[in-house]
Amino acid sequence: MKIRNADKSELMQVSKIERKGNDLVLKGKAFGTMPMTATLTPEEAKAFVKLLTPKLALFLLTLPFRKSKD
């Protein structure tokens, strides 16, 4: 999975997602070369959920089934 910037340049290539205790850990490479590990804690996940609107939540549920415009 690739996470991209607004100008479509690659920020991070995620190669593995795993659980470590109550955290979600993403492992991959930043900018295509630098190894990186990102951690999402339960508190950060709760903060993310507070940002969701019903319309955005529905979009996130349907995102895997959509096609890119590129």
PDB file of N, CA and C in Angstrom:
ATOM      1  N   MET A   1       0.853  -1.157   0.000  1.00  0.00           N
ATOM      2  CA  MET A   1       0.000   0.000   0.000  1.00  0.00           C
ATOM      3  C   MET A   1       0.903   1.225   0.000  1.00  0.00           C
ATOM      4  N   LYS A   2       0.551   2.204  -0.820  1.00  0.00           N
ATOM      5  CA  LYS A   2       1.318   3.444  -0.874  1.00  0.00           C
ATOM      6  C   LYS A   2       0.495   4.600  -0.334  1.00  0.00           C
ATOM      7  N   ILE A   3       1.134   5.427   0.471  1.00  0.00           N
ATOM      8  CA  ILE A   3       0.520   6.656   0.962  1.00  0.00           C
ATOM      9  C   ILE A   3       1.182   7.788   0.198  1.00  0.00           C
ATOM     10  N   ARG A   4       0.363   8.625  -0.452  1.00  0.00           N
ATOM     11  CA  ARG A   4       0.895   9.659  -1.332  1.00  0.00           C
ATOM     12  C   ARG A   4       0.587  11.060  -0.826  1.00  0.00           C
ATOM     13  N   ASN A   5       1.407  11.990  -1.262  1.00  0.00           N
ATOM     14  CA  ASN A   5       1.257  13.410  -0.994  1.00  0.00           C
ATOM     15  C   ASN A   5       0.213  13.982  -1.962  1.00  0.00           C
ATOM     16  N   ALA A   6      -0.196  15.220  -1.767  1.00  0.00           N
ATOM     17  CA  ALA A   6      -1.182  15.856  -2.650  1.00  0.00           C
ATOM     18  C   ALA A   6      -0.694  15.937  -4.095  1.00  0.00           C
ATOM     19  N   ASP A   7       0.632  16.042  -4.293  1.00  0.00           N
ATOM     20  CA  ASP A   7       1.175  16.114  -5.657  1.00  0.00           C
ATOM     21  C   ASP A   7       1.470  14.733  -6.237  1.00  0.00           C
ATOM     22  N   LYS A   8       0.931  13.676  -5.612  1.00  0.00           N
ATOM     23  CA  LYS A   8       1.046  12.281  -6.034  1.00  0.00           C
ATOM     24  C   LYS A   8       2.426  11.674  -5.822  1.00  0.00           C
ATOM     25  N   SER A   9       3.332  12.375  -5.132  1.00  0.00           N
ATOM     26  CA  SER A   9       4.634  11.781  -4.826  1.00  0.00           C
ATOM     27  C   SER A   9       4.464  10.827  -3.643  1.00  0.00           C
ATOM     28  N   GLU A  10       5.254   9.766  -3.635  1.00  0.00           N
ATOM     29  CA  GLU A  10       5.129   8.727  -2.619  1.00  0.00           C
ATOM     30  C   GLU A  10       5.729   9.173  -1.294  1.00  0.00           C
ATOM     31  N   LEU A  11       4.928   9.102  -0.234  1.00  0.00           N
ATOM     32  CA  LEU A  11       5.411   9.412   1.114  1.00  0.00           C
ATOM     33  C   LEU A  11       5.875   8.146   1.826  1.00  0.00           C
ATOM     34  N   MET A  12       5.071   7.086   1.726  1.00  0.00           N
ATOM     35  CA  MET A  12       5.406   5.853   2.432  1.00  0.00           C
ATOM     36  C   MET A  12       4.858   4.652   1.694  1.00  0.00           C
ATOM     37  N   GLN A  13       5.687   3.617   1.593  1.00  0.00           N
ATOM     38  CA  GLN A  13       5.274   2.323   1.062  1.00  0.00           C
ATOM     39  C   GLN A  13       5.103   1.404   2.261  1.00  0.00           C
ATOM     40  N   VAL A  14       3.859   1.049   2.589  1.00  0.00           N
ATOM     41  CA  VAL A  14       3.577   0.188   3.740  1.00  0.00           C
ATOM     42  C   VAL A  14       3.678  -1.262   3.277  1.00  0.00           C
ATOM     43  N   SER A  15       4.549  -2.027   3.944  1.00  0.00           N
ATOM     44  CA  SER A  15       4.745  -3.418   3.551  1.00  0.00           C
ATOM     45  C   SER A  15       4.142  -4.408   4.544  1.00  0.00           C
ATOM     46  N   LYS A  16       3.878  -3.943   5.772  1.00  0.00           N
ATOM     47  CA  LYS A  16       3.344  -4.840   6.784  1.00  0.00           C
ATOM     48  C   LYS A  16       2.539  -4.056   7.813  1.00  0.00           C
ATOM     49  N   ILE A  17       1.397  -4.613   8.215  1.00  0.00           N
ATOM     50  CA  ILE A  17       0.576  -4.050   9.287  1.00  0.00           C
ATOM     51  C   ILE A  17       0.400  -5.145  10.314  1.00  0.00           C
ATOM     52  N   GLU A  18       0.721  -4.836  11.563  1.00  0.00           N
ATOM     53  CA  GLU A  18       0.596  -5.845  12.612  1.00  0.00           C
ATOM     54  C   GLU A  18       0.130  -5.210  13.918  1.00  0.00           C
ATOM     55  N   ARG A  19      -0.273  -6.065  14.813  1.00  0.00           N
ATOM     56  CA  ARG A  19      -0.722  -5.628  16.135  1.00  0.00           C
ATOM     57  C   ARG A  19       0.412  -5.834  17.135  1.00  0.00           C
ATOM     58  N   LYS A  20       0.622  -4.835  17.988  1.00  0.00           N
ATOM     59  CA  LYS A  20       1.595  -4.954  19.073  1.00  0.00           C
ATOM     60  C   LYS A  20       0.902  -4.472  20.335  1.00  0.00           C
ATOM     61  N   GLY A  21       0.414  -5.417  21.133  1.00  0.00           N
ATOM     62  CA  GLY A  21      -0.391  -5.062  22.301  1.00  0.00           C
ATOM     63  C   GLY A  21      -1.691  -4.431  21.832  1.00  0.00           C
ATOM     64  N   ASN A  22      -1.968  -3.214  22.279  1.00  0.00           N
ATOM     65  CA  ASN A  22      -3.170  -2.499  21.858  1.00  0.00           C
ATOM     66  C   ASN A  22      -2.903  -1.499  20.738  1.00  0.00           C
ATOM     67  N   ASP A  23      -1.699  -1.513  20.183  1.00  0.00           N
ATOM     68  CA  ASP A  23      -1.328  -0.572  19.117  1.00  0.00           C
ATOM     69  C   ASP A  23      -1.357  -1.253  17.754  1.00  0.00           C
ATOM     70  N   LEU A  24      -1.554  -0.452  16.728  1.00  0.00           N
ATOM     71  CA  LEU A  24      -1.459  -0.902  15.345  1.00  0.00           C
ATOM     72  C   LEU A  24      -0.131  -0.385  14.811  1.00  0.00           C
ATOM     73  N   VAL A  25       0.694  -1.276  14.270  1.00  0.00           N
ATOM     74  CA  VAL A  25       2.025  -0.911  13.803  1.00  0.00           C
ATOM     75  C   VAL A  25       2.101  -1.087  12.291  1.00  0.00           C
ATOM     76  N   LEU A  26       2.522  -0.021  11.596  1.00  0.00           N
ATOM     77  CA  LEU A  26       2.715  -0.058  10.152  1.00  0.00           C
ATOM     78  C   LEU A  26       4.211  -0.010   9.883  1.00  0.00           C
ATOM     79  N   LYS A  27       4.711  -0.958   9.094  1.00  0.00           N
ATOM     80  CA  LYS A  27       6.126  -0.997   8.757  1.00  0.00           C
ATOM     81  C   LYS A  27       6.285  -0.813   7.258  1.00  0.00           C
ATOM     82  N   GLY A  28       7.303  -0.081   6.875  1.00  0.00           N
ATOM     83  CA  GLY A  28       7.549   0.148   5.462  1.00  0.00           C
ATOM     84  C   GLY A  28       8.725   1.062   5.249  1.00  0.00           C
ATOM     85  N   LYS A  29       8.691   1.768   4.106  1.00  0.00           N
ATOM     86  CA  LYS A  29       9.770   2.685   3.756  1.00  0.00           C
ATOM     87  C   LYS A  29       9.193   4.058   3.451  1.00  0.00           C
ATOM     88  N   ALA A  30       9.823   5.074   4.008  1.00  0.00           N
ATOM     89  CA  ALA A  30       9.435   6.460   3.743  1.00  0.00           C
ATOM     90  C   ALA A  30      10.252   6.966   2.561  1.00  0.00           C
ATOM     91  N   PHE A  31       9.610   7.658   1.659  1.00  0.00           N
ATOM     92  CA  PHE A  31      10.260   8.229   0.471  1.00  0.00           C
ATOM     93  C   PHE A  31      11.000   7.167  -0.340  1.00  0.00           C
ATOM     94  N   GLY A  32      10.551   5.913  -0.256  1.00  0.00           N
ATOM     95  CA  GLY A  32      11.110   4.839  -1.057  1.00  0.00           C
ATOM     96  C   GLY A  32      12.415   4.251  -0.556  1.00  0.00           C
ATOM     97  N   THR A  33      13.062   4.838   0.438  1.00  0.00           N
ATOM     98  CA  THR A  33      14.358   4.325   0.864  1.00  0.00           C
ATOM     99  C   THR A  33      14.527   4.172   2.372  1.00  0.00           C
ATOM    100  N   MET A  34      13.988   5.074   3.165  1.00  0.00           N
ATOM    101  CA  MET A  34      14.249   5.095   4.604  1.00  0.00           C
ATOM    102  C   MET A  34      13.276   4.173   5.349  1.00  0.00           C
ATOM    103  N   PRO A  35      13.776   3.119   6.022  1.00  0.00           N
ATOM    104  CA  PRO A  35      12.891   2.238   6.797  1.00  0.00           C
ATOM    105  C   PRO A  35      12.152   3.042   7.871  1.00  0.00           C
ATOM    106  N   MET A  36      10.870   2.711   8.050  1.00  0.00           N
ATOM    107  CA  MET A  36      10.052   3.481   8.984  1.00  0.00           C
ATOM    108  C   MET A  36       9.034   2.573   9.658  1.00  0.00           C
ATOM    109  N   THR A  37       8.780   2.832  10.924  1.00  0.00           N
ATOM    110  CA  THR A  37       7.732   2.147  11.667  1.00  0.00           C
ATOM    111  C   THR A  37       6.826   3.217  12.258  1.00  0.00           C
ATOM    112  N   ALA A  38       5.534   3.129  11.953  1.00  0.00           N
ATOM    113  CA  ALA A  38       4.554   4.076  12.478  1.00  0.00           C
ATOM    114  C   ALA A  38       3.607   3.322  13.408  1.00  0.00           C
ATOM    115  N   THR A  39       3.243   3.948  14.504  1.00  0.00           N
ATOM    116  CA  THR A  39       2.381   3.315  15.497  1.00  0.00           C
ATOM    117  C   THR A  39       1.116   4.144  15.699  1.00  0.00           C
ATOM    118  N   LEU A  40      -0.022   3.464  15.705  1.00  0.00           N
ATOM    119  CA  LEU A  40      -1.311   4.101  15.985  1.00  0.00           C
ATOM    120  C   LEU A  40      -1.809   3.555  17.314  1.00  0.00           C
ATOM    121  N   THR A  41      -1.911   4.421  18.307  1.00  0.00           N
ATOM    122  CA  THR A  41      -2.370   4.015  19.633  1.00  0.00           C
ATOM    123  C   THR A  41      -3.896   4.125  19.716  1.00  0.00           C
ATOM    124  N   PRO A  42      -4.508   3.494  20.714  1.00  0.00           N
ATOM    125  CA  PRO A  42      -5.958   3.611  20.869  1.00  0.00           C
ATOM    126  C   PRO A  42      -6.416   5.064  21.033  1.00  0.00           C
ATOM    127  N   GLU A  43      -5.643   5.884  21.747  1.00  0.00           N
ATOM    128  CA  GLU A  43      -6.014   7.292  21.940  1.00  0.00           C
ATOM    129  C   GLU A  43      -6.011   8.049  20.611  1.00  0.00           C
ATOM    130  N   GLU A  44      -5.014   7.765  19.775  1.00  0.00           N
ATOM    131  CA  GLU A  44      -4.953   8.418  18.466  1.00  0.00           C
ATOM    132  C   GLU A  44      -6.073   7.940  17.556  1.00  0.00           C
ATOM    133  N   ALA A  45      -6.436   6.657  17.666  1.00  0.00           N
ATOM    134  CA  ALA A  45      -7.549   6.126  16.878  1.00  0.00           C
ATOM    135  C   ALA A  45      -8.866   6.788  17.297  1.00  0.00           C
ATOM    136  N   LYS A  46      -9.046   7.015  18.606  1.00  0.00           N
ATOM    137  CA  LYS A  46     -10.249   7.699  19.093  1.00  0.00           C
ATOM    138  C   LYS A  46     -10.301   9.135  18.581  1.00  0.00           C
ATOM    139  N   ALA A  47      -9.150   9.794  18.543  1.00  0.00           N
ATOM    140  CA  ALA A  47      -9.092  11.164  18.006  1.00  0.00           C
ATOM    141  C   ALA A  47      -9.454  11.169  16.531  1.00  0.00           C
ATOM    142  N   PHE A  48      -9.033  10.141  15.790  1.00  0.00           N
ATOM    143  CA  PHE A  48      -9.384  10.021  14.374  1.00  0.00           C
ATOM    144  C   PHE A  48     -10.892   9.853  14.204  1.00  0.00           C
ATOM    145  N   VAL A  49     -11.506   9.002  15.018  1.00  0.00           N
ATOM    146  CA  VAL A  49     -12.950   8.751  14.920  1.00  0.00           C
ATOM    147  C   VAL A  49     -13.739  10.026  15.186  1.00  0.00           C
ATOM    148  N   LYS A  50     -13.249  10.877  16.073  1.00  0.00           N
ATOM    149  CA  LYS A  50     -13.939  12.138  16.363  1.00  0.00           C
ATOM    150  C   LYS A  50     -13.950  13.074  15.155  1.00  0.00           C
ATOM    151  N   LEU A  51     -12.995  12.913  14.252  1.00  0.00           N
ATOM    152  CA  LEU A  51     -12.928  13.750  13.053  1.00  0.00           C
ATOM    153  C   LEU A  51     -13.883  13.284  11.947  1.00  0.00           C
ATOM    154  N   LEU A  52     -14.395  12.061  12.073  1.00  0.00           N
ATOM    155  CA  LEU A  52     -15.254  11.503  11.030  1.00  0.00           C
ATOM    156  C   LEU A  52     -16.668  12.077  11.081  1.00  0.00           C
ATOM    157  N   THR A  53     -17.182  12.378   9.921  1.00  0.00           N
ATOM    158  CA  THR A  53     -18.590  12.724   9.765  1.00  0.00           C
ATOM    159  C   THR A  53     -19.282  11.487   9.186  1.00  0.00           C
ATOM    160  N   PRO A  54     -20.600  11.384   9.267  1.00  0.00           N
ATOM    161  CA  PRO A  54     -21.274  10.227   8.669  1.00  0.00           C
ATOM    162  C   PRO A  54     -20.961  10.081   7.169  1.00  0.00           C
ATOM    163  N   LYS A  55     -20.902  11.197   6.459  1.00  0.00           N
ATOM    164  CA  LYS A  55     -20.623  11.149   5.026  1.00  0.00           C
ATOM    165  C   LYS A  55     -19.203  10.621   4.763  1.00  0.00           C
ATOM    166  N   LEU A  56     -18.228  11.060   5.562  1.00  0.00           N
ATOM    167  CA  LEU A  56     -16.852  10.603   5.399  1.00  0.00           C
ATOM    168  C   LEU A  56     -16.714   9.133   5.804  1.00  0.00           C
ATOM    169  N   ALA A  57     -17.415   8.703   6.841  1.00  0.00           N
ATOM    170  CA  ALA A  57     -17.384   7.299   7.258  1.00  0.00           C
ATOM    171  C   ALA A  57     -17.911   6.403   6.143  1.00  0.00           C
ATOM    172  N   LEU A  58     -18.990   6.805   5.492  1.00  0.00           N
ATOM    173  CA  LEU A  58     -19.533   6.039   4.375  1.00  0.00           C
ATOM    174  C   LEU A  58     -18.531   5.988   3.225  1.00  0.00           C
ATOM    175  N   PHE A  59     -17.875   7.107   2.944  1.00  0.00           N
ATOM    176  CA  PHE A  59     -16.857   7.133   1.893  1.00  0.00           C
ATOM    177  C   PHE A  59     -15.727   6.150   2.209  1.00  0.00           C
ATOM    178  N   LEU A  60     -15.255   6.124   3.459  1.00  0.00           N
ATOM    179  CA  LEU A  60     -14.176   5.218   3.842  1.00  0.00           C
ATOM    180  C   LEU A  60     -14.581   3.756   3.691  1.00  0.00           C
ATOM    181  N   LEU A  61     -15.841   3.440   3.986  1.00  0.00           N
ATOM    182  CA  LEU A  61     -16.322   2.073   3.819  1.00  0.00           C
ATOM    183  C   LEU A  61     -16.360   1.644   2.348  1.00  0.00           C
ATOM    184  N   THR A  62     -16.629   2.582   1.452  1.00  0.00           N
ATOM    185  CA  THR A  62     -16.731   2.249   0.032  1.00  0.00           C
ATOM    186  C   THR A  62     -15.423   2.475  -0.733  1.00  0.00           C
ATOM    187  N   LEU A  63     -14.431   3.077  -0.097  1.00  0.00           N
ATOM    188  CA  LEU A  63     -13.158   3.394  -0.770  1.00  0.00           C
ATOM    189  C   LEU A  63     -12.481   2.186  -1.423  1.00  0.00           C
ATOM    190  N   PRO A  64     -12.406   1.024  -0.775  1.00  0.00           N
ATOM    191  CA  PRO A  64     -11.723  -0.107  -1.419  1.00  0.00           C
ATOM    192  C   PRO A  64     -12.390  -0.578  -2.723  1.00  0.00           C
ATOM    193  N   PHE A  65     -13.632  -0.210  -2.951  1.00  0.00           N
ATOM    194  CA  PHE A  65     -14.361  -0.644  -4.127  1.00  0.00           C
ATOM    195  C   PHE A  65     -14.388   0.393  -5.241  1.00  0.00           C
ATOM    196  N   ARG A  66     -13.751   1.526  -5.047  1.00  0.00           N
ATOM    197  CA  ARG A  66     -13.714   2.603  -6.027  1.00  0.00           C
ATOM    198  C   ARG A  66     -12.491   2.494  -6.912  1.00  0.00           C
ATOM    199  N   LYS A  67     -12.555   3.117  -8.083  1.00  0.00           N
ATOM    200  CA  LYS A  67     -11.427   3.168  -9.002  1.00  0.00           C
ATOM    201  C   LYS A  67     -10.764   4.537  -8.916  1.00  0.00           C
ATOM    202  N   SER A  68      -9.446   4.560  -9.148  1.00  0.00           N
ATOM    203  CA  SER A  68      -8.715   5.819  -9.172  1.00  0.00           C
ATOM    204  C   SER A  68      -9.070   6.601 -10.431  1.00  0.00           C
ATOM    205  N   LYS A  69      -8.937   7.917 -10.353  1.00  0.00           N
ATOM    206  CA  LYS A  69      -9.208   8.755 -11.519  1.00  0.00           C
ATOM    207  C   LYS A  69      -7.990   8.862 -12.441  1.00  0.00           C
ATOM    208  N   ASP A  70      -6.838   8.322 -11.980  1.00  0.00           N
ATOM    209  CA  ASP A  70      -5.615   8.393 -12.798  1.00  0.00           C
ATOM    210  C   ASP A  70      -5.615   7.367 -13.890  1.00  0.00           C
TER     211      ASP A  70
END
